[in-house]
Structure formats: structure tokens, C-alpha cells
All heavy atoms as atom14 arrays in JSON, in Angstrom:
{
  "sequence": "QAPGKEREGVSCISGTDDSTYYADSVKGRFTIS",
  "atom14_mask": [
    [1, 1, 1, 1, 1, 1, 1, 1, 1, 0, 0, 0, 0, 0],
    [1, 1, 1, 1, 1, 0, 0, 0, 0, 0, 0, 0, 0, 0],
    [1, 1, 1, 1, 1, 1, 1, 0, 0, 0, 0, 0, 0, 0],
    [1, 1, 1, 1, 0, 0, 0, 0, 0, 0, 0, 0, 0, 0],
    [1, 1, 1, 1, 1, 1, 1, 1, 1, 0, 0, 0, 0, 0],
    [1, 1, 1, 1, 1, 1, 1, 1, 1, 0, 0, 0, 0, 0],
    [1, 1, 1, 1, 1, 1, 1, 1, 1, 1, 1, 0, 0, 0],
    [1, 1, 1, 1, 1, 1, 1, 1, 1, 0, 0, 0, 0, 0],
    [1, 1, 1, 1, 0, 0, 0, 0, 0, 0, 0, 0, 0, 0],
    [1, 1, 1, 1, 1, 1, 1, 0, 0, 0, 0, 0, 0, 0],
    [1, 1, 1, 1, 1, 1, 0, 0, 0, 0, 0, 0, 0, 0],
    [1, 1, 1, 1, 1, 1, 0, 0, 0, 0, 0, 0, 0, 0],
    [1, 1, 1, 1, 1, 1, 1, 1, 0, 0, 0, 0, 0, 0],
    [1, 1, 1, 1, 1, 1, 0, 0, 0, 0, 0, 0, 0, 0],
    [1, 1, 1, 1, 0, 0, 0, 0, 0, 0, 0, 0, 0, 0],
    [1, 1, 1, 1, 1, 1, 1, 0, 0, 0, 0, 0, 0, 0],
    [1, 1, 1, 1, 1, 1, 1, 1, 0, 0, 0, 0, 0, 0],
    [1, 1, 1, 1, 1, 1, 1, 1, 0, 0, 0, 0, 0, 0],
    [1, 1, 1, 1, 1, 1, 0, 0, 0, 0, 0, 0, 0, 0],
    [1, 1, 1, 1, 1, 1, 1, 0, 0, 0, 0, 0, 0, 0],
    [1, 1, 1, 1, 1, 1, 1, 1, 1, 1, 1, 1, 0, 0],
    [1, 1, 1, 1, 1, 1, 1, 1, 1, 1, 1, 1, 0, 0],
    [1, 1, 1, 1, 1, 0, 0, 0, 0, 0, 0, 0, 0, 0],
    [1, 1, 1, 1, 1, 1, 1, 1, 0, 0, 0, 0, 0, 0],
    [1, 1, 1, 1, 1, 1, 0, 0, 0, 0, 0, 0, 0, 0],
    [1, 1, 1, 1, 1, 1, 1, 0, 0, 0, 0, 0, 0, 0],
    [1, 1, 1, 1, 1, 1, 1, 1, 1, 0, 0, 0, 0, 0],
    [1, 1, 1, 1, 0, 0, 0, 0, 0, 0, 0, 0, 0, 0],
    [1, 1, 1, 1, 1, 1, 1, 1, 1, 1, 1, 0, 0, 0],
    [1, 1, 1, 1, 1, 1, 1, 1, 1, 1, 1, 0, 0, 0],
    [1, 1, 1, 1, 1, 1, 1, 0, 0, 0, 0, 0, 0, 0],
    [1, 1, 1, 1, 1, 1, 1, 1, 0, 0, 0, 0, 0, 0],
    [1, 1, 1, 1, 1, 1, 0, 0, 0, 0, 0, 0, 0, 0]
  ],
  "atom14_positions": [
    [[-25.7, 55.49, 22.17], [-27.09, 55.49, 22.59], [-27.7, 54.12, 22.35], [-27.73, 53.64, 21.22], [-27.89, 56.56, 21.84], [-29.32, 56.71, 22.36], [-29.99, 57.96, 21.84], [-29.68, 58.44, 20.75], [-30.91, 58.5, 22.61], [0.0, 0.0, 0.0], [0.0, 0.0, 0.0], [0.0, 0.0, 0.0], [0.0, 0.0, 0.0], [0.0, 0.0, 0.0]],
    [[-28.15, 53.51, 23.42], [-28.83, 52.22, 23.36], [-30.33, 52.45, 23.25], [-30.84, 53.5, 23.67], [-28.51, 51.39, 24.59], [0.0, 0.0, 0.0], [0.0, 0.0, 0.0], [0.0, 0.0, 0.0], [0.0, 0.0, 0.0], [0.0, 0.0, 0.0], [0.0, 0.0, 0.0], [0.0, 0.0, 0.0], [0.0, 0.0, 0.0], [0.0, 0.0, 0.0]],
    [[-31.08, 51.48, 22.7], [-32.53, 51.64, 22.59], [-33.18, 51.93, 23.93], [-32.93, 51.25, 24.92], [-32.98, 50.28, 22.04], [-31.79, 49.76, 21.3], [-30.61, 50.23, 22.11], [0.0, 0.0, 0.0], [0.0, 0.0, 0.0], [0.0, 0.0, 0.0], [0.0, 0.0, 0.0], [0.0, 0.0, 0.0], [0.0, 0.0, 0.0], [0.0, 0.0, 0.0]],
    [[-34.01, 52.97, 23.97], [-34.72, 53.32, 25.18], [-33.9, 54.05, 26.23], [-34.41, 54.3, 27.33], [0.0, 0.0, 0.0], [0.0, 0.0, 0.0], [0.0, 0.0, 0.0], [0.0, 0.0, 0.0], [0.0, 0.0, 0.0], [0.0, 0.0, 0.0], [0.0, 0.0, 0.0], [0.0, 0.0, 0.0], [0.0, 0.0, 0.0], [0.0, 0.0, 0.0]],
    [[-32.65, 54.38, 25.93], [-31.79, 55.06, 26.88], [-31.27, 56.37, 26.3], [-31.26, 56.57, 25.09], [-30.61, 54.18, 27.29], [-31.0, 52.86, 27.94], [-29.8, 52.13, 28.47], [-29.15, 52.86, 29.63], [-28.02, 52.1, 30.23], [0.0, 0.0, 0.0], [0.0, 0.0, 0.0], [0.0, 0.0, 0.0], [0.0, 0.0, 0.0], [0.0, 0.0, 0.0]],
    [[-30.84, 57.26, 27.19], [-30.27, 58.53, 26.76], [-28.87, 58.33, 26.19], [-28.17, 57.38, 26.54], [-30.21, 59.52, 27.93], [-31.56, 59.95, 28.46], [-31.44, 61.01, 29.54], [-30.33, 61.24, 30.03], [-32.47, 61.61, 29.88], [0.0, 0.0, 0.0], [0.0, 0.0, 0.0], [0.0, 0.0, 0.0], [0.0, 0.0, 0.0], [0.0, 0.0, 0.0]],
    [[-28.47, 59.25, 25.33], [-27.13, 59.21, 24.78], [-26.12, 59.56, 25.88], [-26.33, 60.48, 26.67], [-27.01, 60.2, 23.62], [-25.7, 60.12, 22.86], [-25.82, 60.76, 21.49], [-26.29, 62.13, 21.57], [-26.64, 62.86, 20.52], [-26.58, 62.32, 19.29], [-27.05, 64.1, 20.67], [0.0, 0.0, 0.0], [0.0, 0.0, 0.0], [0.0, 0.0, 0.0]],
    [[-25.02, 58.81, 25.94], [-24.03, 59.0, 26.98], [-22.63, 59.11, 26.39], [-22.31, 58.5, 25.37], [-24.07, 57.86, 27.99], [-23.73, 56.5, 27.4], [-23.68, 55.39, 28.42], [-23.69, 55.7, 29.64], [-23.62, 54.21, 28.03], [0.0, 0.0, 0.0], [0.0, 0.0, 0.0], [0.0, 0.0, 0.0], [0.0, 0.0, 0.0], [0.0, 0.0, 0.0]],
    [[-21.78, 59.87, 27.06], [-20.39, 60.0, 26.64], [-19.61, 58.74, 26.94], [-19.75, 58.15, 28.02], [0.0, 0.0, 0.0], [0.0, 0.0, 0.0], [0.0, 0.0, 0.0], [0.0, 0.0, 0.0], [0.0, 0.0, 0.0], [0.0, 0.0, 0.0], [0.0, 0.0, 0.0], [0.0, 0.0, 0.0], [0.0, 0.0, 0.0], [0.0, 0.0, 0.0]],
    [[-18.77, 58.33, 26.01], [-17.94, 57.13, 26.15], [-16.48, 57.5, 26.34], [-15.81, 56.99, 27.25], [-18.09, 56.21, 24.92], [-17.17, 55.0, 25.04], [-19.54, 55.78, 24.76], [0.0, 0.0, 0.0], [0.0, 0.0, 0.0], [0.0, 0.0, 0.0], [0.0, 0.0, 0.0], [0.0, 0.0, 0.0], [0.0, 0.0, 0.0], [0.0, 0.0, 0.0]],
    [[-15.96, 58.38, 25.49], [-14.56, 58.74, 25.53], [-14.33, 60.04, 24.79], [-15.16, 60.47, 23.98], [-13.71, 57.61, 24.9], [-12.33, 57.88, 25.01], [0.0, 0.0, 0.0], [0.0, 0.0, 0.0], [0.0, 0.0, 0.0], [0.0, 0.0, 0.0], [0.0, 0.0, 0.0], [0.0, 0.0, 0.0], [0.0, 0.0, 0.0], [0.0, 0.0, 0.0]],
    [[-13.18, 60.67, 25.05], [-12.83, 61.92, 24.38], [-11.32, 62.05, 24.32], [-10.62, 61.63, 25.25], [-13.43, 63.12, 25.13], [-13.05, 64.73, 24.4], [0.0, 0.0, 0.0], [0.0, 0.0, 0.0], [0.0, 0.0, 0.0], [0.0, 0.0, 0.0], [0.0, 0.0, 0.0], [0.0, 0.0, 0.0], [0.0, 0.0, 0.0], [0.0, 0.0, 0.0]],
    [[-10.82, 62.63, 23.24], [-9.4, 62.96, 23.12], [-9.28, 64.45, 22.86], [-9.95, 65.01, 21.99], [-8.7, 62.12, 22.03], [-7.19, 62.41, 22.03], [-9.31, 62.36, 20.66], [-6.39, 61.39, 21.25], [0.0, 0.0, 0.0], [0.0, 0.0, 0.0], [0.0, 0.0, 0.0], [0.0, 0.0, 0.0], [0.0, 0.0, 0.0], [0.0, 0.0, 0.0]],
    [[-8.42, 65.11, 23.63], [-8.26, 66.56, 23.56], [-7.46, 66.98, 22.34], [-6.47, 66.33, 21.97], [-7.57, 67.08, 24.82], [-7.21, 68.44, 24.69], [0.0, 0.0, 0.0], [0.0, 0.0, 0.0], [0.0, 0.0, 0.0], [0.0, 0.0, 0.0], [0.0, 0.0, 0.0], [0.0, 0.0, 0.0], [0.0, 0.0, 0.0], [0.0, 0.0, 0.0]],
    [[-7.88, 68.07, 21.7], [-7.12, 68.64, 20.6], [-6.02, 69.57, 21.05], [-5.21, 70.0, 20.24], [0.0, 0.0, 0.0], [0.0, 0.0, 0.0], [0.0, 0.0, 0.0], [0.0, 0.0, 0.0], [0.0, 0.0, 0.0], [0.0, 0.0, 0.0], [0.0, 0.0, 0.0], [0.0, 0.0, 0.0], [0.0, 0.0, 0.0], [0.0, 0.0, 0.0]],
    [[-5.96, 69.86, 22.36], [-4.96, 70.76, 22.91], [-3.71, 70.03, 23.37], [-2.59, 70.42, 23.03], [-5.54, 71.55, 24.09], [-6.7, 72.27, 23.67], [-4.5, 72.52, 24.63], [0.0, 0.0, 0.0], [0.0, 0.0, 0.0], [0.0, 0.0, 0.0], [0.0, 0.0, 0.0], [0.0, 0.0, 0.0], [0.0, 0.0, 0.0], [0.0, 0.0, 0.0]],
    [[-3.9, 68.96, 24.15], [-2.75, 68.26, 24.73], [-2.83, 66.74, 24.6], [-2.03, 66.03, 25.22], [-2.58, 68.64, 26.2], [-3.79, 68.31, 27.05], [-4.73, 67.67, 26.54], [-3.8, 68.69, 28.24], [0.0, 0.0, 0.0], [0.0, 0.0, 0.0], [0.0, 0.0, 0.0], [0.0, 0.0, 0.0], [0.0, 0.0, 0.0], [0.0, 0.0, 0.0]],
    [[-3.78, 66.22, 23.84], [-3.96, 64.79, 23.6], [-4.37, 64.02, 24.85], [-4.28, 62.79, 24.87], [-2.7, 64.17, 23.01], [-2.42, 64.62, 21.59], [-3.4, 64.9, 20.86], [-1.24, 64.7, 21.21], [0.0, 0.0, 0.0], [0.0, 0.0, 0.0], [0.0, 0.0, 0.0], [0.0, 0.0, 0.0], [0.0, 0.0, 0.0], [0.0, 0.0, 0.0]],
    [[-4.83, 64.72, 25.87], [-5.36, 64.03, 27.04], [-6.58, 63.21, 26.64], [-7.33, 63.58, 25.74], [-5.75, 65.02, 28.14], [-4.62, 65.72, 28.63], [0.0, 0.0, 0.0], [0.0, 0.0, 0.0], [0.0, 0.0, 0.0], [0.0, 0.0, 0.0], [0.0, 0.0, 0.0], [0.0, 0.0, 0.0], [0.0, 0.0, 0.0], [0.0, 0.0, 0.0]],
    [[-6.78, 62.09, 27.33], [-7.91, 61.22, 27.03], [-8.8, 61.05, 28.25], [-8.33, 61.12, 29.39], [-7.44, 59.85, 26.54], [-6.59, 59.25, 27.53], [-6.67, 59.97, 25.24], [0.0, 0.0, 0.0], [0.0, 0.0, 0.0], [0.0, 0.0, 0.0], [0.0, 0.0, 0.0], [0.0, 0.0, 0.0], [0.0, 0.0, 0.0], [0.0, 0.0, 0.0]],
    [[-10.07, 60.82, 28.0], [-11.06, 60.69, 29.05], [-11.98, 59.52, 28.72], [-12.27, 59.26, 27.55], [-11.87, 61.98, 29.19], [-11.01, 63.21, 29.36], [-10.55, 63.92, 28.26], [-10.62, 63.64, 30.63], [-9.74, 65.03, 28.41], [-9.82, 64.75, 30.78], [-9.38, 65.45, 29.68], [-8.57, 66.55, 29.83], [0.0, 0.0, 0.0], [0.0, 0.0, 0.0]],
    [[-12.46, 58.84, 29.76], [-13.29, 57.66, 29.57], [-14.4, 57.61, 30.6], [-14.23, 58.01, 31.75], [-12.46, 56.38, 29.69], [-11.35, 56.27, 28.68], [-10.07, 56.72, 28.97], [-11.58, 55.7, 27.43], [-9.05, 56.62, 28.05], [-10.57, 55.6, 26.5], [-9.3, 56.06, 26.81], [-8.29, 55.96, 25.88], [0.0, 0.0, 0.0], [0.0, 0.0, 0.0]],
    [[-15.54, 57.1, 30.18], [-16.6, 56.79, 31.12], [-16.15, 55.65, 32.02], [-15.38, 54.78, 31.61], [-17.88, 56.41, 30.38], [0.0, 0.0, 0.0], [0.0, 0.0, 0.0], [0.0, 0.0, 0.0], [0.0, 0.0, 0.0], [0.0, 0.0, 0.0], [0.0, 0.0, 0.0], [0.0, 0.0, 0.0], [0.0, 0.0, 0.0], [0.0, 0.0, 0.0]],
    [[-16.62, 55.65, 33.27], [-16.22, 54.61, 34.21], [-16.52, 53.21, 33.69], [-15.78, 52.26, 33.94], [-16.92, 54.82, 35.55], [-16.39, 56.02, 36.32], [-15.28, 56.49, 36.01], [-17.1, 56.48, 37.23], [0.0, 0.0, 0.0], [0.0, 0.0, 0.0], [0.0, 0.0, 0.0], [0.0, 0.0, 0.0], [0.0, 0.0, 0.0], [0.0, 0.0, 0.0]],
    [[-17.59, 53.08, 32.95], [-18.03, 51.77, 32.48], [-17.1, 51.15, 31.43], [-17.18, 49.95, 31.17], [-19.45, 51.86, 31.91], [-19.5, 52.77, 30.82], [0.0, 0.0, 0.0], [0.0, 0.0, 0.0], [0.0, 0.0, 0.0], [0.0, 0.0, 0.0], [0.0, 0.0, 0.0], [0.0, 0.0, 0.0], [0.0, 0.0, 0.0], [0.0, 0.0, 0.0]],
    [[-16.22, 51.96, 30.82], [-15.36, 51.44, 29.76], [-13.87, 51.56, 30.09], [-13.04, 51.1, 29.3], [-15.64, 52.13, 28.41], [-17.11, 52.03, 28.05], [-15.18, 53.59, 28.43], [0.0, 0.0, 0.0], [0.0, 0.0, 0.0], [0.0, 0.0, 0.0], [0.0, 0.0, 0.0], [0.0, 0.0, 0.0], [0.0, 0.0, 0.0], [0.0, 0.0, 0.0]],
    [[-13.52, 52.15, 31.22], [-12.12, 52.31, 31.59], [-11.42, 50.95, 31.66], [-11.94, 50.0, 32.24], [-11.99, 53.02, 32.94], [-12.3, 54.5, 32.89], [-12.14, 55.15, 34.25], [-12.43, 56.63, 34.2], [-12.32, 57.27, 35.53], [0.0, 0.0, 0.0], [0.0, 0.0, 0.0], [0.0, 0.0, 0.0], [0.0, 0.0, 0.0], [0.0, 0.0, 0.0]],
    [[-10.25, 50.88, 31.05], [-9.49, 49.64, 31.01], [-9.86, 48.73, 29.87], [-9.14, 47.75, 29.6], [0.0, 0.0, 0.0], [0.0, 0.0, 0.0], [0.0, 0.0, 0.0], [0.0, 0.0, 0.0], [0.0, 0.0, 0.0], [0.0, 0.0, 0.0], [0.0, 0.0, 0.0], [0.0, 0.0, 0.0], [0.0, 0.0, 0.0], [0.0, 0.0, 0.0]],
    [[-10.96, 49.0, 29.18], [-11.4, 48.17, 28.06], [-11.34, 48.89, 26.73], [-11.1, 48.26, 25.7], [-12.83, 47.68, 28.29], [-13.0, 46.83, 29.55], [-14.38, 46.19, 29.61], [-15.45, 47.19, 29.67], [-16.42, 47.32, 28.76], [-16.45, 46.51, 27.71], [-17.35, 48.25, 28.9], [0.0, 0.0, 0.0], [0.0, 0.0, 0.0], [0.0, 0.0, 0.0]],
    [[-11.57, 50.21, 26.72], [-11.58, 51.0, 25.49], [-10.38, 51.93, 25.46], [-9.94, 52.43, 26.51], [-12.85, 51.85, 25.4], [-14.13, 51.09, 25.21], [-14.17, 49.71, 25.29], [-15.3, 51.78, 24.93], [-15.35, 49.01, 25.12], [-16.49, 51.09, 24.75], [-16.52, 49.71, 24.85], [0.0, 0.0, 0.0], [0.0, 0.0, 0.0], [0.0, 0.0, 0.0]],
    [[-9.86, 52.2, 24.26], [-8.76, 53.14, 24.08], [-9.05, 54.04, 22.9], [-9.36, 53.56, 21.81], [-7.42, 52.41, 23.84], [-7.12, 51.55, 24.94], [-6.29, 53.42, 23.67], [0.0, 0.0, 0.0], [0.0, 0.0, 0.0], [0.0, 0.0, 0.0], [0.0, 0.0, 0.0], [0.0, 0.0, 0.0], [0.0, 0.0, 0.0], [0.0, 0.0, 0.0]],
    [[-8.95, 55.35, 23.12], [-9.16, 56.32, 22.05], [-7.8, 56.8, 21.55], [-6.86, 56.96, 22.33], [-10.03, 57.5, 22.52], [-10.46, 58.38, 21.33], [-9.32, 58.33, 23.58], [-11.53, 59.41, 21.7], [0.0, 0.0, 0.0], [0.0, 0.0, 0.0], [0.0, 0.0, 0.0], [0.0, 0.0, 0.0], [0.0, 0.0, 0.0], [0.0, 0.0, 0.0]],
    [[-7.68, 57.02, 20.24], [-6.41, 57.46, 19.66], [-6.68, 58.3, 18.42], [-7.79, 58.31, 17.88], [-5.51, 56.28, 19.32], [-6.12, 55.44, 18.36], [0.0, 0.0, 0.0], [0.0, 0.0, 0.0], [0.0, 0.0, 0.0], [0.0, 0.0, 0.0], [0.0, 0.0, 0.0], [0.0, 0.0, 0.0], [0.0, 0.0, 0.0], [0.0, 0.0, 0.0]]
  ]
}
């Protein structure tokens, strides 16, 4: 959450199959593990 903006999802890692998900704005730059 940035000042004056709504909270937004950045990334997620699944507890079922370890699948990962990323917001378009961070794809290729961020890695969740």
C-alpha cells in the first residue's frame, strides 16, 4: 500500500501445489519463494 492508494496484491504462493502468482506490474522482477 502506497500513500494515498488502495492496498494491492503483489504476489502469492500456493500452499497446495506451490504455484506462484504475480501482479502484472512486478512480473519478471519479483520472485516469491
